[in-house]
Every structure is written in C-alpha cells, then in structure tokens.
C-alpha cells in the first residue's frame, strides 16, 4: 500500500450544461521509464491500482473506459515522451478498441500503472451518482510508500489531513480545486504542518509541484 488514495463523485445531470465525468484519459504512471522498469520478468506489474465502485458504475452513471494492452503500443514500449493519446489513437479505427468497464456496487477493478483509462461522462438522466474509491499498491523497489506501513489500517488524523492536502495538490489539474495561488498555498501549508509523517521523497515531490503551480497561478493572476 503506497497511500495514493482517491475518491470520486460523478453527479448525474451536470452543471451549467457541462456533463459530469471522471478523470480524463491517462496512465497512472506516465513516464517511459515506468514502462521499462515497471514490470517483473514474468510480466506482472510492479504497480497496481484497485478501483472499487460504491454505487453501480454503469454506462449511464459513468464507468471506467480503457484501451486493452494488445491495442496499446505504448503500454510496454513507452510513449516516446509524447501523449499516450498520440501513441494509441494514431488512426480513426483505433477508437474501435475502447472498452467500457461497468461494475456493480461493491465490485473491484484492478489494473496496472500503464493501462490507458478514464472515467466516462454521466448521462443527464442517470438515476444516481457514481461514487467510487481507488487505492494503489506498489513494489517498494519501484515506488516507495508515502507513509509507513504501520499507518494501516487507518492513518492518524494528522496523517489523513496531510494526505488530503497533498492529494489535492497532486490531482488539482483533474479536479480544478486549486484555481488561485492563495488556495494552493493554503493546501501546501496544511501539508507542511504534517509533512514529518511522510517519506522525504514524497515531501520533496509535493514541494516541487506546489512551487511550479504557485508560480503559474501567480503569473496568471498578474496578467
């Protein structure tokens, strides 16, 4: 368990005409290096995401969509530092290989860090929201956990607050939760207060990401 946790709520209907959806197409680990060293000699992945549906994830309410490995040249070969969408969808016929992954409430989907996947948009008439959680596991030689394993089964309140702040910063591009430099600084200050609980490499990655995003948002606010 590396403590890369996330929760999702996709509301039916939409707001101001926008269709609610899950995260856009991505691989959980995007670098070409993750393709080269992220698998053992027997082909098993060194990083696996477990995605659990708390409500029915259907074609109407939103479900995971994915491109099977056999139709994804970048899965093991890497994307040559380009977008995986360019690697996979090089011609119109490639879109025919997209597969939906509907899951009943309580069902679980497990997939490697290299699977190209995303959350579909909900239909306006969907009967209920799509609620789900995801958590990742990894070989510690591939990726170190953010918190010590003795934080399980339930991290302390301080650890949870720090993790919420860090994850909000890390995934803010997907959720549009941090739109001002001040908001980003608030979450970073919250993480900093509890950063001593976390692995030093994770602390540094959160610091670098915050610095990059803070500068970007500050420049936008000045222009």
Protein backbone atom coordinates (compact mmCIF):
# COMPACT_ATOMS: atom_id res chain seq x y z
CA UNK A 1 0.00 0.00 0.00
CA UNK A 2 1.58 3.29 -1.04
CA UNK A 3 -1.29 5.54 0.20
CA UNK A 4 -2.07 7.00 -3.22
CA UNK A 5 -5.79 7.18 -2.44
CA UNK A 6 -8.61 8.98 -4.23
CA UNK A 7 -12.40 9.21 -4.03
CA UNK A 8 -14.76 10.09 -6.88
CA UNK A 9 -18.28 11.52 -7.07
CA UNK A 10 -19.77 11.89 -10.56
CA UNK A 11 -23.18 13.53 -10.34
CA UNK A 12 -25.86 12.80 -12.92
CA UNK A 13 -27.19 15.78 -14.83
CA UNK A 14 -24.42 18.34 -14.95
CA UNK A 15 -23.90 21.97 -14.04
CA UNK A 16 -24.41 24.82 -16.48
CA UNK A 17 -24.69 22.33 -19.30
CA UNK A 18 -21.40 20.57 -18.52
CA UNK A 19 -21.56 16.79 -18.36
CA UNK A 20 -20.01 15.43 -15.14
CA UNK A 21 -17.28 12.88 -15.75
CA UNK A 22 -14.37 11.07 -14.18
CA UNK A 23 -10.75 11.96 -14.81
CA UNK A 24 -9.61 12.39 -18.43
CA UNK A 25 -7.51 9.74 -20.28
CA UNK A 26 -4.25 8.94 -18.51
CA UNK A 27 -1.88 6.25 -17.33
CA UNK A 28 -1.38 6.11 -13.57
CA UNK A 29 2.36 6.33 -14.20
CA UNK A 30 3.11 8.13 -17.44
CA UNK A 31 6.89 8.11 -17.84
CA UNK A 32 8.60 5.88 -20.38
CA UNK A 33 10.82 4.64 -17.54
CA UNK A 34 7.72 3.31 -15.76
CA UNK A 35 7.03 1.18 -18.84
CA UNK A 36 10.58 -0.14 -18.96
CA UNK A 37 11.13 -0.99 -15.28
CA UNK A 38 7.54 -1.28 -14.06
CA UNK A 39 7.15 -4.99 -14.83
CA UNK A 40 8.81 -8.11 -13.45
CA UNK A 41 10.41 -10.73 -15.74
CA UNK A 42 7.16 -12.76 -15.62
CA UNK A 43 5.18 -9.75 -16.88
CA UNK A 44 3.42 -8.92 -13.62
CA UNK A 45 3.26 -5.18 -12.86
CA UNK A 46 5.17 -3.55 -10.04
CA UNK A 47 2.31 -1.06 -9.55
CA UNK A 48 -1.41 -1.91 -9.39
CA UNK A 49 -4.44 0.34 -8.88
CA UNK A 50 -7.58 -1.07 -7.24
CA UNK A 51 -10.75 0.81 -8.20
CA UNK A 52 -13.88 -0.01 -6.17
CA UNK A 53 -17.42 1.03 -7.07
CA UNK A 54 -19.51 2.12 -4.05
CA UNK A 55 -22.54 2.63 -6.31
CA UNK A 56 -23.28 0.94 -9.62
CA UNK A 57 -20.84 2.22 -12.25
CA UNK A 58 -22.84 1.84 -15.45
CA UNK A 59 -22.83 3.25 -18.96
CA UNK A 60 -25.44 5.76 -17.75
CA UNK A 61 -23.91 6.82 -14.43
CA UNK A 62 -20.28 6.82 -15.69
CA UNK A 63 -17.82 3.96 -15.64
CA UNK A 64 -14.18 3.35 -16.38
CA UNK A 65 -13.16 3.22 -20.04
CA UNK A 66 -9.92 1.59 -21.15
CA UNK A 67 -7.81 0.54 -24.10
CA UNK A 68 -6.70 -3.12 -23.83
CA UNK A 69 -2.97 -3.76 -23.70
CA UNK A 70 -3.00 -5.63 -27.02
CA UNK A 71 -4.15 -2.46 -28.78
CA UNK A 72 -1.78 -0.11 -26.94
CA UNK A 73 1.76 0.06 -28.36
CA UNK A 74 2.86 2.37 -25.54
CA UNK A 75 1.80 0.02 -22.75
CA UNK A 76 5.19 -1.69 -22.53
CA UNK A 77 7.11 0.21 -25.17
CA UNK A 78 6.57 3.69 -23.75
CA UNK A 79 5.14 6.72 -25.49
CA UNK A 80 8.48 8.25 -26.55
CA UNK A 81 7.83 11.27 -24.30
CA UNK A 82 4.65 12.11 -26.22
CA UNK A 83 0.99 11.94 -25.21
CA UNK A 84 -0.37 8.39 -24.87
CA UNK A 85 -3.35 9.56 -26.92
CA UNK A 86 -1.00 10.13 -29.85
CA UNK A 87 0.52 6.68 -29.32
CA UNK A 88 -2.79 4.82 -29.12
CA UNK A 89 -5.12 6.73 -31.43
CA UNK A 90 -2.90 7.09 -34.47
CA UNK A 91 -5.77 6.36 -36.85
CA UNK A 92 -9.60 6.55 -36.62
CA UNK A 93 -10.03 2.77 -36.46
CA UNK A 94 -8.09 2.69 -33.16
CA UNK A 95 -11.08 4.19 -31.34
CA UNK A 96 -12.98 0.98 -32.03
CA UNK A 97 -10.85 -0.80 -29.42
CA UNK A 98 -12.07 1.30 -26.47
CA UNK A 99 -13.80 -0.90 -23.89
CA UNK A 100 -16.20 0.15 -21.08
CA UNK A 101 -15.74 -1.46 -17.66
CA UNK A 102 -19.14 -1.30 -15.90
CA UNK A 103 -19.07 -2.58 -12.31
CA UNK A 104 -21.84 -3.28 -9.79
CA UNK A 105 -21.65 -1.63 -6.38
CA UNK A 106 -19.03 -3.47 -4.34
CA UNK A 107 -17.20 -4.66 -7.44
CA UNK A 108 -13.48 -4.16 -7.94
CA UNK A 109 -11.32 -3.47 -10.99
CA UNK A 110 -7.55 -3.96 -10.76
CA UNK A 111 -5.15 -2.69 -13.41
CA UNK A 112 -1.51 -1.82 -13.91
CA UNK A 113 0.06 1.64 -13.93
CA UNK A 114 0.30 1.54 -17.74
CA UNK A 115 -3.34 0.95 -18.66
CA UNK A 116 -4.74 3.91 -20.59
CA UNK A 117 -8.07 4.64 -18.88
CA UNK A 118 -10.54 7.39 -17.95
CA UNK A 119 -13.98 7.99 -16.48
CA UNK A 120 -16.82 8.44 -18.96
CA UNK A 121 -19.34 11.28 -18.73
CA UNK A 122 -22.64 10.60 -16.99
CA UNK A 123 -25.89 10.71 -18.93
CA UNK A 124 -28.22 13.60 -17.98
CA UNK A 125 -30.92 11.13 -17.00
CA UNK A 126 -28.67 8.88 -14.92
CA UNK A 127 -30.62 7.50 -11.93
CA UNK A 128 -27.86 8.08 -9.36
CA UNK A 129 -24.36 9.49 -8.96
CA UNK A 130 -21.31 7.32 -9.49
CA UNK A 131 -19.29 7.07 -6.30
CA UNK A 132 -16.04 5.14 -6.12
CA UNK A 133 -12.68 4.95 -4.38
CA UNK A 134 -9.25 3.96 -5.64
CA UNK A 135 -6.03 2.97 -3.94
CA UNK A 136 -2.65 1.93 -5.28
CA UNK A 137 -0.10 -0.70 -4.30
CA UNK A 138 3.48 -0.98 -5.49
CA UNK A 139 6.69 -2.92 -5.20
CA UNK A 140 8.76 -0.65 -2.89
CA UNK A 141 11.70 -1.02 -5.29
CA UNK A 142 9.52 0.66 -7.94
CA UNK A 143 7.82 3.30 -5.79
CA UNK A 144 8.13 3.96 -2.08
CA UNK A 145 5.00 4.40 0.06
CA UNK A 146 4.09 7.91 1.16
CA UNK A 147 3.50 6.83 4.76
CA UNK A 148 4.97 3.99 6.85
CA UNK A 149 3.04 0.73 6.69
CA UNK A 150 2.27 0.91 10.40
CA UNK A 151 -0.15 3.73 9.50
CA UNK A 152 -2.53 0.97 8.39
CA UNK A 153 -5.34 0.08 8.68
CA UNK A 154 -6.41 3.67 9.45
CA UNK A 155 -3.83 6.50 9.42
CA UNK A 156 -3.95 9.01 12.25
CA UNK A 157 -5.96 12.23 11.88
CA UNK A 158 -2.76 14.20 11.23
CA UNK A 159 -1.67 11.72 8.55
CA UNK A 160 -5.09 11.85 6.91
CA UNK A 161 -5.15 15.65 6.88
CA UNK A 162 -1.66 15.77 5.39
CA UNK A 163 -2.57 13.19 2.76
CA UNK A 164 -5.77 15.05 1.81
CA UNK A 165 -3.76 18.25 1.33
CA UNK A 166 -1.06 16.52 -0.72
CA UNK A 167 -3.50 14.62 -2.92
CA UNK A 168 -5.49 17.80 -3.55
CA UNK A 169 -2.31 19.47 -4.77
CA UNK A 170 -1.23 16.48 -6.86
CA UNK A 171 -4.58 15.95 -8.58
CA UNK A 172 -5.76 19.56 -8.75
CA UNK A 173 -5.47 19.66 -12.55
CA UNK A 174 -8.05 16.88 -12.81
CA UNK A 175 -10.46 18.37 -10.29
CA UNK A 176 -9.95 22.13 -10.77
CA UNK A 177 -9.93 22.52 -6.99
CA UNK A 178 -6.96 24.90 -6.90
CA UNK A 179 -7.56 27.89 -9.15
CA UNK A 180 -5.73 30.63 -7.21
CA UNK A 181 -2.23 30.88 -5.76
CA UNK A 182 -3.72 31.55 -2.34
CA UNK A 183 -5.77 28.35 -2.37
CA UNK A 184 -2.71 26.34 -3.38
CA UNK A 185 -0.68 27.91 -0.59
CA UNK A 186 -3.41 27.05 1.92
CA UNK A 187 -3.28 23.36 0.99
CA UNK A 188 0.54 23.37 0.98
CA UNK A 189 0.63 24.96 4.43
CA UNK A 190 -1.74 22.26 5.63
CA UNK A 191 0.53 19.54 4.21
CA UNK A 192 3.65 21.20 5.64
CA UNK A 193 2.23 21.08 9.15
CA UNK A 194 2.07 17.28 8.98
CA UNK A 195 4.85 16.62 6.44
CA UNK A 196 7.09 14.98 9.05
CA UNK A 197 4.84 11.91 8.90
CA UNK A 198 5.65 11.35 5.20
CA UNK A 199 8.54 9.88 3.23
CA UNK A 200 11.15 12.53 2.41
CA UNK A 201 10.98 11.87 -1.34
CA UNK A 202 7.21 12.39 -1.25
CA UNK A 203 7.68 15.62 0.70
CA UNK A 204 10.05 16.88 -1.97
CA UNK A 205 7.76 15.91 -4.86
CA UNK A 206 4.84 17.77 -3.23
CA UNK A 207 7.08 20.80 -2.62
CA UNK A 208 8.24 20.92 -6.24
CA UNK A 209 4.72 20.52 -7.59
CA UNK A 210 3.38 23.27 -5.33
CA UNK A 211 6.20 25.64 -6.32
CA UNK A 212 5.50 25.06 -10.02
CA UNK A 213 1.75 25.52 -9.68
CA UNK A 214 2.06 28.51 -7.35
CA UNK A 215 4.31 30.35 -9.82
CA UNK A 216 1.99 29.52 -12.72
CA UNK A 217 -1.13 30.73 -10.89
CA UNK A 218 0.65 33.85 -9.61
CA UNK A 219 1.67 34.80 -13.14
CA UNK A 220 -1.87 34.25 -14.38
CA UNK A 221 -3.26 36.49 -11.66
CA UNK A 222 -0.82 39.28 -12.54
CA UNK A 223 -1.56 39.19 -16.28
